[in-house]
C-alpha atoms as a PDB file:
ATOM      1  CA  MET A   1     239.890  36.646  92.886  1.00  0.00           C
ATOM      2  CA  GLY A   2     242.380  37.849  95.423  1.00  0.00           C
ATOM      3  CA  HIS A   3     244.543  35.666  97.619  1.00  0.00           C
ATOM      4  CA  ALA A   4     241.912  35.953 100.354  1.00  0.00           C
ATOM      5  CA  GLN A   5     239.446  34.008  98.231  1.00  0.00           C
ATOM      6  CA  SER A   6     239.443  30.263  98.633  1.00  0.00           C
ATOM      7  CA  LYS A   7     240.312  27.990  95.754  1.00  0.00           C
ATOM      8  CA  ARG A   8     236.709  26.716  95.761  1.00  0.00           C
ATOM      9  CA  ALA A   9     235.325  30.263  95.607  1.00  0.00           C
ATOM     10  CA  LYS A  10     237.548  31.043  92.626  1.00  0.00           C
ATOM     11  CA  GLU A  11     236.554  27.821  90.871  1.00  0.00           C
ATOM     12  CA  PHE A  12     232.879  28.521  91.555  1.00  0.00           C
ATOM     13  CA  TYR A  13     233.110  32.076  90.204  1.00  0.00           C
ATOM     14  CA  GLU A  14     234.872  30.863  87.045  1.00  0.00           C
ATOM     15  CA  THR A  15     232.359  28.040  86.607  1.00  0.00           C
ATOM     16  CA  CYS A  16     229.470  30.524  86.829  1.00  0.00           C
ATOM     17  CA  ARG A  17     231.288  32.846  84.420  1.00  0.00           C
ATOM     18  CA  ASP A  18     231.709  30.017  81.918  1.00  0.00           C
ATOM     19  CA  GLY A  19     228.131  28.752  82.257  1.00  0.00           C
ATOM     20  CA  ASN A  20     228.977  25.186  83.278  1.00  0.00           C
ATOM     21  CA  VAL A  21     225.570  24.280  84.725  1.00  0.00           C
ATOM     22  CA  ASP A  22     226.457  20.743  85.788  1.00  0.00           C
ATOM     23  CA  ARG A  23     229.584  21.831  87.663  1.00  0.00           C
ATOM     24  CA  VAL A  24     227.757  24.753  89.307  1.00  0.00           C
ATOM     25  CA  GLY A  25     225.194  22.241  90.575  1.00  0.00           C
ATOM     26  CA  GLU A  26     227.938  19.989  91.951  1.00  0.00           C
ATOM     27  CA  LEU A  27     229.738  22.820  93.714  1.00  0.00           C
ATOM     28  CA  LEU A  28     226.680  24.476  95.271  1.00  0.00           C
ATOM     29  CA  SER A  29     226.293  21.921  98.048  1.00  0.00           C
ATOM     30  CA  THR A  30     229.944  22.288  99.090  1.00  0.00           C
ATOM     31  CA  LEU A  31     230.157  26.070  99.407  1.00  0.00           C
ATOM     32  CA  THR A  32     230.026  28.326 102.426  1.00  0.00           C
ATOM     33  CA  TYR A  33     227.900  31.491 102.322  1.00  0.00           C
ATOM     34  CA  GLU A  34     231.064  33.521 101.693  1.00  0.00           C
ATOM     35  CA  GLU A  35     232.158  31.294  98.799  1.00  0.00           C
ATOM     36  CA  LEU A  36     228.703  31.390  97.218  1.00  0.00           C
ATOM     37  CA  ASN A  37     228.712  35.194  97.351  1.00  0.00           C
ATOM     38  CA  CYS A  38     232.406  35.895  96.730  1.00  0.00           C
ATOM     39  CA  SER A  39     233.229  39.016  94.726  1.00  0.00           C
ATOM     40  CA  ASP A  40     235.848  39.481  92.045  1.00  0.00           C
ATOM     41  CA  PRO A  41     238.329  42.026  93.463  1.00  0.00           C
ATOM     42  CA  THR A  42     238.614  43.888  90.149  1.00  0.00           C
ATOM     43  CA  THR A  43     234.944  44.242  89.199  1.00  0.00           C
ATOM     44  CA  GLY A  44     233.124  43.453  92.416  1.00  0.00           C
ATOM     45  CA  HIS A  45     230.990  40.968  90.467  1.00  0.00           C
ATOM     46  CA  SER A  46     229.564  38.075  92.454  1.00  0.00           C
ATOM     47  CA  PRO A  47     229.003  34.703  90.756  1.00  0.00           C
ATOM     48  CA  LEU A  48     225.390  35.802  90.219  1.00  0.00           C
ATOM     49  CA  HIS A  49     226.566  39.048  88.566  1.00  0.00           C
ATOM     50  CA  ILE A  50     228.892  37.265  86.161  1.00  0.00           C
ATOM     51  CA  ALA A  51     226.314  34.612  85.241  1.00  0.00           C
ATOM     52  CA  CYS A  52     223.799  37.394  84.489  1.00  0.00           C
ATOM     53  CA  LYS A  53     226.351  39.407  82.529  1.00  0.00           C
ATOM     54  CA  ASN A  54     227.218  36.387  80.378  1.00  0.00           C
ATOM     55  CA  ASN A  55     223.554  35.413  79.858  1.00  0.00           C
ATOM     56  CA  HIS A  56     223.854  31.994  81.490  1.00  0.00           C
ATOM     57  CA  ASP A  57     220.174  31.640  82.354  1.00  0.00           C
ATOM     58  CA  LYS A  58     220.369  28.088  83.695  1.00  0.00           C
ATOM     59  CA  VAL A  59     223.206  29.057  86.039  1.00  0.00           C
ATOM     60  CA  VAL A  60     221.267  32.137  87.172  1.00  0.00           C
ATOM     61  CA  GLN A  61     218.240  29.948  87.869  1.00  0.00           C
ATOM     62  CA  LEU A  62     220.316  27.545  89.976  1.00  0.00           C
ATOM     63  CA  LEU A  63     221.819  30.425  91.936  1.00  0.00           C
ATOM     64  CA  LEU A  64     218.477  32.117  92.542  1.00  0.00           C
ATOM     65  CA  GLU A  65     217.088  28.849  93.913  1.00  0.00           C
ATOM     66  CA  GLN A  66     219.685  29.073  96.709  1.00  0.00           C
ATOM     67  CA  LYS A  67     218.313  31.014  99.680  1.00  0.00           C
ATOM     68  CA  ALA A  68     221.892  31.913 100.662  1.00  0.00           C
ATOM     69  CA  CYS A  69     222.661  33.496  97.288  1.00  0.00           C
ATOM     70  CA  SER A  70     222.616  37.256  97.829  1.00  0.00           C
ATOM     71  CA  ARG A  71     220.671  39.246  95.255  1.00  0.00           C
ATOM     72  CA  ILE A  72     221.669  42.590  96.765  1.00  0.00           C
ATOM     73  CA  ILE A  73     225.458  42.558  96.348  1.00  0.00           C
ATOM     74  CA  ILE A  74     226.588  45.748  94.630  1.00  0.00           C
ATOM     75  CA  ASN A  75     229.561  45.589  92.251  1.00  0.00           C
ATOM     76  CA  LYS A  76     232.159  48.356  91.808  1.00  0.00           C
ATOM     77  CA  ASP A  77     229.866  50.125  89.312  1.00  0.00           C
ATOM     78  CA  GLY A  78     227.134  50.272  91.965  1.00  0.00           C
ATOM     79  CA  THR A  79     224.862  47.742  90.271  1.00  0.00           C
ATOM     80  CA  THR A  80     223.221  44.517  91.386  1.00  0.00           C
ATOM     81  CA  ALA A  81     223.146  41.331  89.328  1.00  0.00           C
ATOM     82  CA  HIS A  82     219.563  42.118  88.309  1.00  0.00           C
ATOM     83  CA  ASP A  83     220.684  45.565  87.126  1.00  0.00           C
ATOM     84  CA  ILE A  84     223.260  44.129  84.720  1.00  0.00           C
ATOM     85  CA  ALA A  85     221.019  41.363  83.367  1.00  0.00           C
ATOM     86  CA  THR A  86     220.162  42.257  79.770  1.00  0.00           C
ATOM     87  CA  SER A  87     218.317  39.076  78.867  1.00  0.00           C
ATOM     88  CA  PRO A  88     214.538  39.331  79.376  1.00  0.00           C
ATOM     89  CA  ASN A  89     214.549  35.652  80.379  1.00  0.00           C
ATOM     90  CA  ILE A  90     217.113  36.233  83.119  1.00  0.00           C
ATOM     91  CA  ARG A  91     215.307  39.347  84.354  1.00  0.00           C
ATOM     92  CA  SER A  92     212.102  37.309  84.573  1.00  0.00           C
ATOM     93  CA  LEU A  93     213.911  34.663  86.670  1.00  0.00           C
ATOM     94  CA  PHE A  94     214.443  37.287  89.365  1.00  0.00           C
ATOM     95  CA  ALA A  95     210.737  38.148  89.351  1.00  0.00           C
ATOM     96  CA  ARG A  96     209.644  34.507  89.427  1.00  0.00           C
ATOM     97  CA  GLN A  97     212.043  33.682  92.241  1.00  0.00           C
ATOM     98  CA  SER A  98     210.925  36.635  94.360  1.00  0.00           C
ATOM     99  CA  ASP A  99     207.323  35.446  93.948  1.00  0.00           C
ATOM    100  CA  ARG A 100     208.356  32.135  95.568  1.00  0.00           C
ATOM    101  CA  ASP A 101     210.237  33.700  98.492  1.00  0.00           C
END
């Protein structure tokens, strides 16, 4: 996270990366749209990207339940969070959530 990212955005990204479901849940209600969808300056990964990449299905589910969580952010490799999800369970979360929207 660059200096332009808020401390909360950095903490949220790292919490999603580490799969801390309880803390993600606590932070969600305090974040702005920008903080929820912040991108790592090196990889371009959003919190949703990094949770998918690290197979944190419960974190991904929490994020997908947030209407403000962008599913269309493209990282520096040109891929969305859904594109980098390798877990069938996580990929199915995207399908189930889009059925609800």
